[in-house]
Amino acid sequence: AMRKHRVRANHHDGGIMAKRSITIVGAGQSGLQLAIGLLAHGYDVRVVSDRTPEEIAASRVASSQAMGAPALSLERGLGLNLWDTEVPPIEGVSMTIAAPPGSGEMMPVRWASRLDAVGQSVDQRVKMPRFIAEFIRRGGEFIVREADVDDLEEYARHSELVIVAAGKGEIAKLFTRDDARSRYRVPQRALALTYVDGMVPRPEYSAICYSVVPGIGEFFCFPALTLSGPCEIMVFEGIIGGPMDCWGEAGTPEQHLDISKRILKDFFPWEAERCENISLTDELGILSGRFPPTVRHPVAVLPSGAEVLGMADVVVLNDPLTGQGSNNASRCAATYLDSICAQDGRPFDREFKQRTFERYWEFAQYSTRWTSAMLEPPAPHAIQLHIAAMEHPEIGRRFANAIVNPEDFFSWYMDPADAEAYLASVMQPSS
């Protein structure tokens, strides 16, 4: 009864609705986008970050953070499109699939297509400090603290809902692996990022330039905005134990850059031509590491029995191979915002938390399954589609646009029978 009374009092204070309070731990794409969305709906929102905005701006790059038009429109709806005049657009997608080394085949598969709507990548060191400033300006409470389990207990006592949006660190480990939805137990790629100036632009239009060398790994690059202005982000995905799994040799930023150039020269010579005069944007514009892609259960139970809800990378962590992290984070924030607002005074109980995640998973399952497929050697039907795309531009266009809406891959690309039917329809247009 006490508790009921307190909850009621929380909502009806002398006839005036008091605000519902929500604490979000983590100040990245998902946490800040959700927090700012909640402020617009009249919630009392606290964001807890382990770093100040100044520390974020002065830190190492965290991601390649490419975002497609659907995710960008979610930001725009919240007035968070703060870089439209400065950020170089990502206008298309190009794909090169080389023959495996030693196969004797020379001709790579190569196609390119414009996107129906442009994408963007804004370095999180540029973006998150601005988002934090907006959040504070719009009335949010911002706390700098490296939150531990005791802190979560405290937040759970004073907030109606606690959301964990910090994908790294101790509290992320509270969320347990979902064995049914997680395909891997070990890292699938040795990963590296290199932010550079001086790359020769693609002549036709800017693009996410994907290159695949079966048995070795993948490379892609695209334009972005960083602290010093426009740049290109290079992403290296080396098969574990293979010749691209070599980032341990880099002791200095310059060595990291040298290895980047060497990998291009050895395995992606068609990209090396554009990169002869590249230099690092800054000493911290590099990153390397590895992790197993994992889906986790969305509700973590604290020692007291209180429950917290995970979001974005905390609960669905994909390999960066397909560049889905920021798109997923943005979509997760939008889905959670809708669910929270629809709850309308009802408690944020276990059932609510699970249902909220399942609504996000309805979207995220597609990028997760597609990314897993891209981590495997390309299937024969997929190679056929890429070969056909060289003759039939609509195939490349469909692939390019599915990158920002991965559900589409499941009607024509993922399954051999669907692929065959789609190819037949492309080859024989109805008269």
Protein backbone atom coordinates (compact mmCIF):
# COMPACT_ATOMS: atom_id res chain seq x y z
CA ALA A 1 0.00 0.00 0.00
CA MET A 2 2.85 2.35 0.94
CA ARG A 3 4.43 1.82 -2.43
CA LYS A 4 1.20 2.36 -4.31
CA HIS A 5 0.61 5.56 -2.42
CA ARG A 6 4.12 6.79 -3.22
CA VAL A 7 3.71 6.03 -6.92
CA ARG A 8 0.37 7.78 -6.96
CA ALA A 9 1.81 10.77 -5.15
CA ASN A 10 4.54 10.83 -7.72
CA HIS A 11 1.99 11.35 -10.48
CA HIS A 12 -0.62 13.52 -8.81
CA ASP A 13 0.84 16.28 -6.71
CA GLY A 14 -2.07 18.46 -5.69
CA GLY A 15 -3.70 17.79 -9.04
CA ILE A 16 -0.55 18.61 -11.01
CA MET A 17 1.10 15.71 -12.79
CA ALA A 18 4.65 15.30 -11.54
CA LYS A 19 7.20 14.19 -14.09
CA ARG A 20 8.24 10.56 -14.33
CA SER A 21 11.95 10.19 -13.71
CA ILE A 22 14.31 8.15 -15.87
CA THR A 23 18.06 7.63 -15.48
CA ILE A 24 20.19 6.68 -18.49
CA VAL A 25 23.74 5.47 -17.88
CA GLY A 26 25.89 6.13 -20.94
CA ALA A 27 26.28 9.20 -23.15
CA GLY A 28 26.58 7.73 -26.64
CA GLN A 29 24.30 7.77 -29.67
CA SER A 30 21.49 5.72 -28.13
CA GLY A 31 21.53 7.12 -24.59
CA LEU A 32 21.65 10.78 -25.58
CA GLN A 33 19.16 10.48 -28.42
CA LEU A 34 16.71 8.75 -26.09
CA ALA A 35 17.36 11.26 -23.29
CA ILE A 36 16.72 14.24 -25.55
CA GLY A 37 13.59 12.59 -26.93
CA LEU A 38 12.28 11.98 -23.42
CA LEU A 39 12.82 15.63 -22.44
CA ALA A 40 10.60 16.64 -25.36
CA HIS A 41 7.85 14.44 -23.86
CA GLY A 42 8.11 16.00 -20.42
CA TYR A 43 10.13 13.36 -18.58
CA ASP A 44 12.59 14.15 -15.82
CA VAL A 45 15.82 12.74 -17.31
CA ARG A 46 19.26 12.20 -15.86
CA VAL A 47 22.21 11.06 -17.98
CA VAL A 48 25.26 9.58 -16.26
CA SER A 49 28.52 9.63 -18.24
CA ASP A 50 31.95 8.34 -17.24
CA ARG A 51 33.52 11.36 -19.02
CA THR A 52 32.97 15.09 -19.31
CA PRO A 53 32.22 16.53 -22.77
CA GLU A 54 35.78 17.91 -22.81
CA GLU A 55 37.20 14.47 -22.05
CA ILE A 56 35.12 12.91 -24.84
CA ALA A 57 36.37 15.52 -27.32
CA ALA A 58 39.98 14.85 -26.26
CA SER A 59 39.71 11.05 -26.35
CA ARG A 60 40.45 8.32 -28.86
CA VAL A 61 38.02 7.63 -31.72
CA ALA A 62 35.38 5.10 -30.72
CA SER A 63 33.66 4.09 -33.91
CA SER A 64 33.18 4.73 -37.61
CA GLN A 65 29.53 5.69 -36.79
CA ALA A 66 28.14 5.83 -40.34
CA MET A 67 24.42 6.58 -40.38
CA GLY A 68 21.93 6.18 -43.20
CA ALA A 69 18.98 8.38 -44.05
CA PRO A 70 16.43 6.56 -41.82
CA ALA A 71 18.59 7.06 -38.71
CA LEU A 72 19.44 10.63 -39.69
CA SER A 73 15.74 11.44 -40.01
CA LEU A 74 15.19 10.24 -36.43
CA GLU A 75 17.86 12.73 -35.29
CA ARG A 76 16.35 15.45 -37.45
CA GLY A 77 12.99 14.89 -35.80
CA LEU A 78 14.61 15.84 -32.48
CA GLY A 79 16.46 18.86 -33.91
CA LEU A 80 19.80 17.04 -33.63
CA ASN A 81 20.92 17.47 -37.25
CA LEU A 82 23.59 19.95 -36.16
CA TRP A 83 26.23 19.31 -38.84
CA ASP A 84 24.33 19.31 -42.14
CA THR A 85 26.37 22.19 -43.55
CA GLU A 86 29.79 20.76 -42.55
CA VAL A 87 29.58 16.98 -42.86
CA PRO A 88 30.61 15.49 -46.22
CA PRO A 89 27.76 13.38 -47.62
CA ILE A 90 27.99 9.63 -48.19
CA GLU A 91 26.30 9.49 -51.58
CA GLY A 92 26.59 5.85 -52.60
CA VAL A 93 28.05 2.40 -52.14
CA SER A 94 30.69 0.60 -54.18
CA MET A 95 31.48 -3.10 -53.91
CA THR A 96 34.62 -4.93 -55.02
CA ILE A 97 34.96 -8.67 -54.46
CA ALA A 98 38.40 -9.93 -55.45
CA ALA A 99 39.24 -13.47 -56.42
CA PRO A 100 40.79 -15.39 -53.52
CA PRO A 101 44.60 -15.17 -53.60
CA GLY A 102 46.14 -18.01 -55.60
CA SER A 103 42.89 -18.88 -57.41
CA GLY A 104 44.36 -17.69 -60.71
CA GLU A 105 41.31 -15.49 -61.39
CA MET A 106 42.12 -11.87 -62.19
CA MET A 107 38.81 -10.12 -62.70
CA PRO A 108 37.22 -8.76 -59.55
CA VAL A 109 33.49 -8.32 -59.24
CA ARG A 110 32.87 -4.59 -59.08
CA TRP A 111 29.77 -2.39 -59.06
CA ALA A 112 28.68 0.95 -57.58
CA SER A 113 25.35 2.62 -56.94
CA ARG A 114 24.07 5.86 -55.57
CA LEU A 115 22.00 5.75 -52.38
CA ASP A 116 18.42 7.04 -52.66
CA ALA A 117 19.24 9.40 -49.77
CA VAL A 118 22.68 10.37 -48.45
CA GLY A 119 24.29 9.12 -45.24
CA GLN A 120 26.63 10.85 -42.80
CA SER A 121 29.32 10.05 -40.27
CA VAL A 122 30.11 12.56 -37.52
CA ASP A 123 33.00 11.57 -35.23
CA GLN A 124 31.54 10.87 -31.80
CA ARG A 125 34.19 13.18 -30.31
CA VAL A 126 32.49 15.99 -32.25
CA LYS A 127 28.93 14.76 -31.85
CA MET A 128 28.51 13.66 -28.25
CA PRO A 129 29.75 16.87 -26.59
CA ARG A 130 27.23 18.83 -28.69
CA PHE A 131 24.45 16.37 -27.84
CA ILE A 132 25.32 16.69 -24.15
CA ALA A 133 25.19 20.50 -24.41
CA GLU A 134 21.77 20.24 -26.10
CA PHE A 135 20.53 17.83 -23.44
CA ILE A 136 21.57 20.23 -20.66
CA ARG A 137 20.19 23.24 -22.54
CA ARG A 138 16.84 21.50 -22.89
CA GLY A 139 16.61 20.81 -19.16
CA GLY A 140 18.31 17.48 -18.60
CA GLU A 141 20.52 16.62 -15.62
CA PHE A 142 24.02 15.53 -16.62
CA ILE A 143 26.23 13.73 -14.11
CA VAL A 144 29.85 12.68 -14.60
CA ARG A 145 30.54 9.47 -12.77
CA GLU A 146 31.88 6.03 -13.58
CA ALA A 147 28.76 4.22 -12.45
CA ASP A 148 29.11 0.86 -10.70
CA VAL A 149 26.52 -1.58 -9.40
CA ASP A 150 26.02 0.42 -6.17
CA ASP A 151 25.30 3.51 -8.26
CA LEU A 152 22.75 1.56 -10.31
CA GLU A 153 21.06 0.52 -7.06
CA GLU A 154 20.88 4.16 -6.04
CA TYR A 155 19.46 5.23 -9.42
CA ALA A 156 16.91 2.40 -9.27
CA ARG A 157 15.70 3.66 -5.86
CA HIS A 158 15.12 7.20 -7.12
CA SER A 159 14.08 6.69 -10.75
CA GLU A 160 11.11 4.82 -12.14
CA LEU A 161 13.28 3.39 -14.91
CA VAL A 162 17.04 2.89 -15.23
CA ILE A 163 18.47 2.23 -18.69
CA VAL A 164 22.05 1.12 -19.32
CA ALA A 165 23.41 2.47 -22.60
CA ALA A 166 27.11 2.12 -21.81
CA GLY A 167 28.39 -0.80 -23.86
CA LYS A 168 31.79 -1.07 -22.18
CA GLY A 169 32.86 -1.37 -18.55
CA GLU A 170 31.69 -3.31 -15.53
CA ILE A 171 27.97 -2.68 -15.62
CA ALA A 172 27.64 -3.94 -19.19
CA LYS A 173 28.73 -7.34 -17.82
CA LEU A 174 25.53 -7.54 -15.76
CA PHE A 175 23.70 -8.42 -18.97
CA THR A 176 23.99 -12.13 -19.76
CA ARG A 177 24.53 -13.68 -23.17
CA ASP A 178 21.40 -14.86 -25.00
CA ASP A 179 22.63 -18.22 -26.27
CA ALA A 180 19.65 -18.70 -28.58
CA ARG A 181 20.29 -15.42 -30.42
CA SER A 182 24.12 -15.28 -30.29
CA ARG A 183 25.89 -17.13 -33.06
CA TYR A 184 29.51 -16.60 -31.96
CA ARG A 185 31.54 -17.10 -28.82
CA VAL A 186 34.82 -15.70 -30.13
CA PRO A 187 35.80 -12.63 -32.18
CA GLN A 188 35.33 -13.06 -35.93
CA ARG A 189 37.65 -10.29 -37.12
CA ALA A 190 40.72 -8.33 -36.04
CA LEU A 191 39.42 -4.77 -36.29
CA ALA A 192 41.10 -1.44 -36.91
CA LEU A 193 40.08 2.14 -37.67
CA THR A 194 42.29 4.80 -39.25
CA TYR A 195 41.02 8.38 -39.64
CA VAL A 196 42.93 10.08 -42.46
CA ASP A 197 43.34 13.25 -44.50
CA GLY A 198 44.64 13.32 -48.06
CA MET A 199 42.73 10.41 -49.61
CA VAL A 200 41.97 11.11 -53.29
CA PRO A 201 38.18 11.40 -53.59
CA ARG A 202 36.22 8.90 -55.67
CA PRO A 203 35.66 10.62 -59.01
CA GLU A 204 31.91 10.01 -59.58
CA TYR A 205 30.37 10.48 -56.15
CA SER A 206 31.39 9.78 -52.56
CA ALA A 207 30.63 6.29 -51.30
CA ILE A 208 31.11 3.62 -48.71
CA CYS A 209 33.73 1.69 -50.69
CA TYR A 210 33.54 -1.97 -49.67
CA SER A 211 36.26 -4.40 -50.70
CA VAL A 212 36.25 -8.12 -49.94
CA VAL A 213 39.16 -10.54 -50.37
CA PRO A 214 37.81 -13.99 -49.44
CA GLY A 215 40.02 -15.76 -46.93
CA ILE A 216 41.88 -12.54 -45.99
CA GLY A 217 39.33 -9.96 -44.86
CA GLU A 218 37.53 -6.79 -45.78
CA PHE A 219 38.28 -3.09 -46.06
CA PHE A 220 35.92 -0.17 -46.38
CA CYS A 221 36.22 3.59 -46.22
CA PHE A 222 33.93 6.60 -46.46
CA PRO A 223 33.95 10.36 -45.84
CA ALA A 224 33.23 11.73 -42.36
CA LEU A 225 33.51 14.84 -40.22
CA THR A 226 36.13 14.79 -37.46
CA LEU A 227 37.59 17.36 -35.03
CA SER A 228 39.72 18.97 -37.74
CA GLY A 229 37.01 18.92 -40.43
CA PRO A 230 36.18 16.52 -43.28
CA CYS A 231 38.23 13.30 -43.43
CA GLU A 232 38.00 9.69 -44.55
CA ILE A 233 37.54 6.78 -42.16
CA MET A 234 39.28 3.52 -43.06
CA VAL A 235 37.92 0.33 -41.52
CA PHE A 236 39.97 -2.89 -41.60
CA GLU A 237 38.41 -6.29 -40.91
CA GLY A 238 41.01 -9.05 -40.87
CA ILE A 239 40.18 -12.73 -40.59
CA ILE A 240 41.55 -13.93 -37.23
CA GLY A 241 45.03 -15.43 -37.59
CA GLY A 242 45.34 -14.22 -41.18
CA PRO A 243 47.76 -11.69 -42.66
CA MET A 244 45.50 -8.70 -41.75
CA ASP A 245 45.52 -9.79 -38.10
CA CYS A 246 48.67 -7.74 -37.49
CA TRP A 247 47.73 -4.68 -35.44
CA GLY A 248 49.78 -5.85 -32.45
CA GLU A 249 52.83 -4.70 -34.43
CA ALA A 250 51.74 -1.06 -34.24
CA GLY A 251 53.52 0.60 -31.31
CA THR A 252 52.91 4.19 -32.45
CA PRO A 253 50.22 6.03 -34.42
CA GLU A 254 52.63 6.35 -37.37
CA GLN A 255 53.19 2.59 -37.36
CA HIS A 256 49.42 2.10 -37.34
CA LEU A 257 49.22 4.30 -40.45
CA ASP A 258 52.09 2.38 -42.10
CA ILE A 259 50.34 -0.94 -41.48
CA SER A 260 47.13 0.52 -42.93
CA LYS A 261 48.99 1.47 -46.13
CA ARG A 262 50.79 -1.86 -46.29
CA ILE A 263 47.54 -3.85 -46.04
CA LEU A 264 46.05 -1.81 -48.89
CA LYS A 265 49.14 -2.32 -51.04
CA ASP A 266 49.20 -6.08 -50.39
CA PHE A 267 45.51 -6.95 -50.56
CA PHE A 268 43.46 -3.99 -51.84
CA PRO A 269 45.69 -2.39 -54.50
CA TRP A 270 42.68 -0.74 -56.21
CA GLU A 271 42.20 1.28 -53.00
CA ALA A 272 45.92 1.86 -52.35
CA GLU A 273 46.06 4.16 -55.40
CA ARG A 274 43.88 6.73 -53.63
CA CYS A 275 45.91 6.50 -50.42
CA GLU A 276 49.48 7.30 -51.39
CA ASN A 277 49.50 10.66 -49.61
CA ILE A 278 47.30 9.99 -46.60
CA SER A 279 48.15 11.20 -43.10
CA LEU A 280 46.44 10.71 -39.73
CA THR A 281 43.85 13.32 -38.78
CA ASP A 282 45.24 13.16 -35.23
CA GLU A 283 47.26 10.85 -32.98
CA LEU A 284 44.04 9.52 -31.44
CA GLY A 285 42.34 8.91 -34.81
CA ILE A 286 43.20 5.21 -34.64
CA LEU A 287 41.75 2.17 -32.93
CA SER A 288 42.29 -1.58 -33.01
CA GLY A 289 40.80 -4.53 -31.15
CA ARG A 290 38.46 -7.48 -31.40
CA PHE A 291 35.30 -8.73 -29.72
CA PRO A 292 32.76 -11.51 -30.19
CA PRO A 293 29.44 -10.31 -31.68
CA THR A 294 26.86 -10.97 -28.95
CA VAL A 295 23.15 -10.61 -28.21
CA ARG A 296 22.38 -10.30 -24.50
CA HIS A 297 19.27 -10.59 -22.38
CA PRO A 298 17.85 -7.07 -22.05
CA VAL A 299 17.06 -7.07 -18.32
CA ALA A 300 19.79 -7.22 -15.68
CA VAL A 301 18.86 -7.92 -12.06
CA LEU A 302 20.81 -6.04 -9.41
CA PRO A 303 21.72 -7.62 -6.03
CA SER A 304 18.70 -5.89 -4.44
CA GLY A 305 16.36 -7.44 -7.00
CA ALA A 306 15.88 -4.14 -8.84
CA GLU A 307 15.94 -4.47 -12.63
CA VAL A 308 17.61 -2.30 -15.25
CA LEU A 309 17.04 -2.30 -19.00
CA GLY A 310 19.90 -2.46 -21.51
CA MET A 311 19.90 -0.75 -24.89
CA ALA A 312 21.78 -0.66 -28.21
CA ASP A 313 25.34 -2.12 -28.03
CA VAL A 314 24.74 -3.34 -24.48
CA VAL A 315 22.17 -5.84 -25.74
CA VAL A 316 22.90 -6.26 -29.48
CA LEU A 317 26.58 -5.98 -30.36
CA ASN A 318 27.39 -6.69 -34.02
CA ASP A 319 30.71 -6.89 -35.78
CA PRO A 320 31.35 -3.48 -37.44
CA LEU A 321 31.74 -5.21 -40.83
CA THR A 322 28.38 -3.89 -42.06
CA GLY A 323 28.54 -0.53 -40.25
CA GLN A 324 25.22 -1.02 -38.44
CA GLY A 325 26.14 0.13 -34.91
CA SER A 326 24.99 3.75 -35.04
CA ASN A 327 21.96 2.96 -37.22
CA ASN A 328 20.92 0.36 -34.65
CA ALA A 329 21.60 2.73 -31.73
CA SER A 330 19.43 5.42 -33.29
CA ARG A 331 16.61 2.98 -34.06
CA CYS A 332 16.84 1.53 -30.55
CA ALA A 333 16.49 5.01 -29.02
CA ALA A 334 13.43 5.72 -31.18
CA THR A 335 11.80 2.37 -30.34
CA TYR A 336 12.43 2.77 -26.61
CA LEU A 337 11.08 6.32 -26.70
CA ASP A 338 7.83 5.10 -28.30
CA SER A 339 7.49 2.28 -25.75
CA ILE A 340 8.14 4.54 -22.76
CA CYS A 341 5.67 7.17 -23.93
CA ALA A 342 3.02 4.51 -24.64
CA GLN A 343 3.35 3.23 -21.06
CA ASP A 344 1.61 6.40 -19.87
CA GLY A 345 1.68 6.14 -16.07
CA ARG A 346 1.75 2.33 -15.92
CA PRO A 347 4.79 0.87 -14.15
CA PHE A 348 7.99 0.11 -16.04
CA ASP A 349 7.91 -3.50 -14.89
CA ARG A 350 9.73 -6.60 -16.14
CA GLU A 351 7.09 -7.26 -18.78
CA PHE A 352 7.46 -3.69 -20.09
CA LYS A 353 11.25 -4.00 -20.25
CA GLN A 354 11.19 -7.31 -22.11
CA ARG A 355 8.49 -6.11 -24.54
CA THR A 356 10.40 -2.89 -25.21
CA PHE A 357 13.51 -4.84 -26.15
CA GLU A 358 11.55 -7.30 -28.31
CA ARG A 359 10.18 -4.36 -30.32
CA TYR A 360 13.75 -3.27 -30.99
CA TRP A 361 14.85 -6.84 -31.76
CA GLU A 362 12.15 -7.04 -34.46
CA PHE A 363 14.32 -4.51 -36.30
CA ALA A 364 17.80 -5.46 -35.05
CA GLN A 365 17.49 -9.18 -35.81
CA TYR A 366 17.82 -8.40 -39.52
CA SER A 367 21.07 -6.46 -39.29
CA THR A 368 22.38 -9.11 -36.87
CA ARG A 369 21.59 -12.03 -39.19
CA TRP A 370 22.80 -10.18 -42.29
CA THR A 371 26.06 -9.19 -40.56
CA SER A 372 26.61 -12.82 -39.56
CA ALA A 373 26.13 -13.88 -43.18
CA MET A 374 28.66 -11.25 -44.33
CA LEU A 375 31.21 -12.62 -41.85
CA GLU A 376 31.04 -16.02 -43.58
CA PRO A 377 32.64 -16.70 -46.98
CA PRO A 378 30.26 -15.35 -49.66
CA ALA A 379 27.66 -17.96 -50.68
CA PRO A 380 27.46 -18.90 -54.38
CA HIS A 381 24.06 -17.25 -54.82
CA ALA A 382 25.39 -14.02 -53.27
CA ILE A 383 28.36 -14.00 -55.67
CA GLN A 384 25.91 -14.51 -58.56
CA LEU A 385 23.95 -11.45 -57.44
CA HIS A 386 27.09 -9.31 -57.24
CA ILE A 387 28.21 -10.47 -60.69
CA ALA A 388 24.75 -9.69 -62.10
CA ALA A 389 24.89 -6.23 -60.47
CA MET A 390 27.70 -5.33 -62.89
CA GLU A 391 25.18 -5.63 -65.77
CA HIS A 392 21.99 -4.68 -63.96
CA PRO A 393 22.32 -1.46 -61.94
CA GLU A 394 19.04 -2.04 -60.08
CA ILE A 395 20.67 -4.92 -58.16
CA GLY A 396 23.46 -2.68 -56.85
CA ARG A 397 20.93 0.00 -56.01
CA ARG A 398 18.83 -2.49 -54.08
CA PHE A 399 21.87 -3.77 -52.16
CA ALA A 400 23.11 -0.25 -51.36
CA ASN A 401 19.77 0.87 -49.98
CA ALA A 402 19.25 -2.35 -48.03
CA ILE A 403 22.35 -1.48 -46.00
CA VAL A 404 20.27 1.16 -44.23
CA ASN A 405 17.20 -1.11 -44.12
CA PRO A 406 18.60 -4.64 -43.68
CA GLU A 407 15.18 -6.27 -43.50
CA ASP A 408 15.05 -5.94 -47.30
CA PHE A 409 17.96 -8.39 -47.71
CA PHE A 410 15.68 -11.17 -46.47
CA SER A 411 13.37 -11.08 -49.48
CA TRP A 412 16.02 -11.43 -52.22
CA TYR A 413 19.62 -11.76 -50.99
CA MET A 414 19.87 -14.11 -48.01
CA ASP A 415 18.14 -17.20 -49.36
CA PRO A 416 19.25 -19.06 -52.53
CA ALA A 417 15.68 -19.61 -53.79
CA ASP A 418 14.73 -15.95 -53.24
CA ALA A 419 17.94 -14.88 -54.99
CA GLU A 420 17.19 -17.09 -57.97
CA ALA A 421 13.65 -15.75 -58.27
CA TYR A 422 14.86 -12.15 -57.96
CA LEU A 423 17.60 -12.67 -60.57
CA ALA A 424 15.09 -14.19 -62.97
CA SER A 425 12.79 -11.19 -62.53
CA VAL A 426 15.67 -8.78 -63.19
CA MET A 427 16.92 -10.70 -66.24
CA GLN A 428 13.47 -10.91 -67.82
CA PRO A 429 11.69 -7.65 -67.13
CA SER A 430 7.95 -7.98 -67.55
CA SER A 431 6.90 -6.49 -70.87
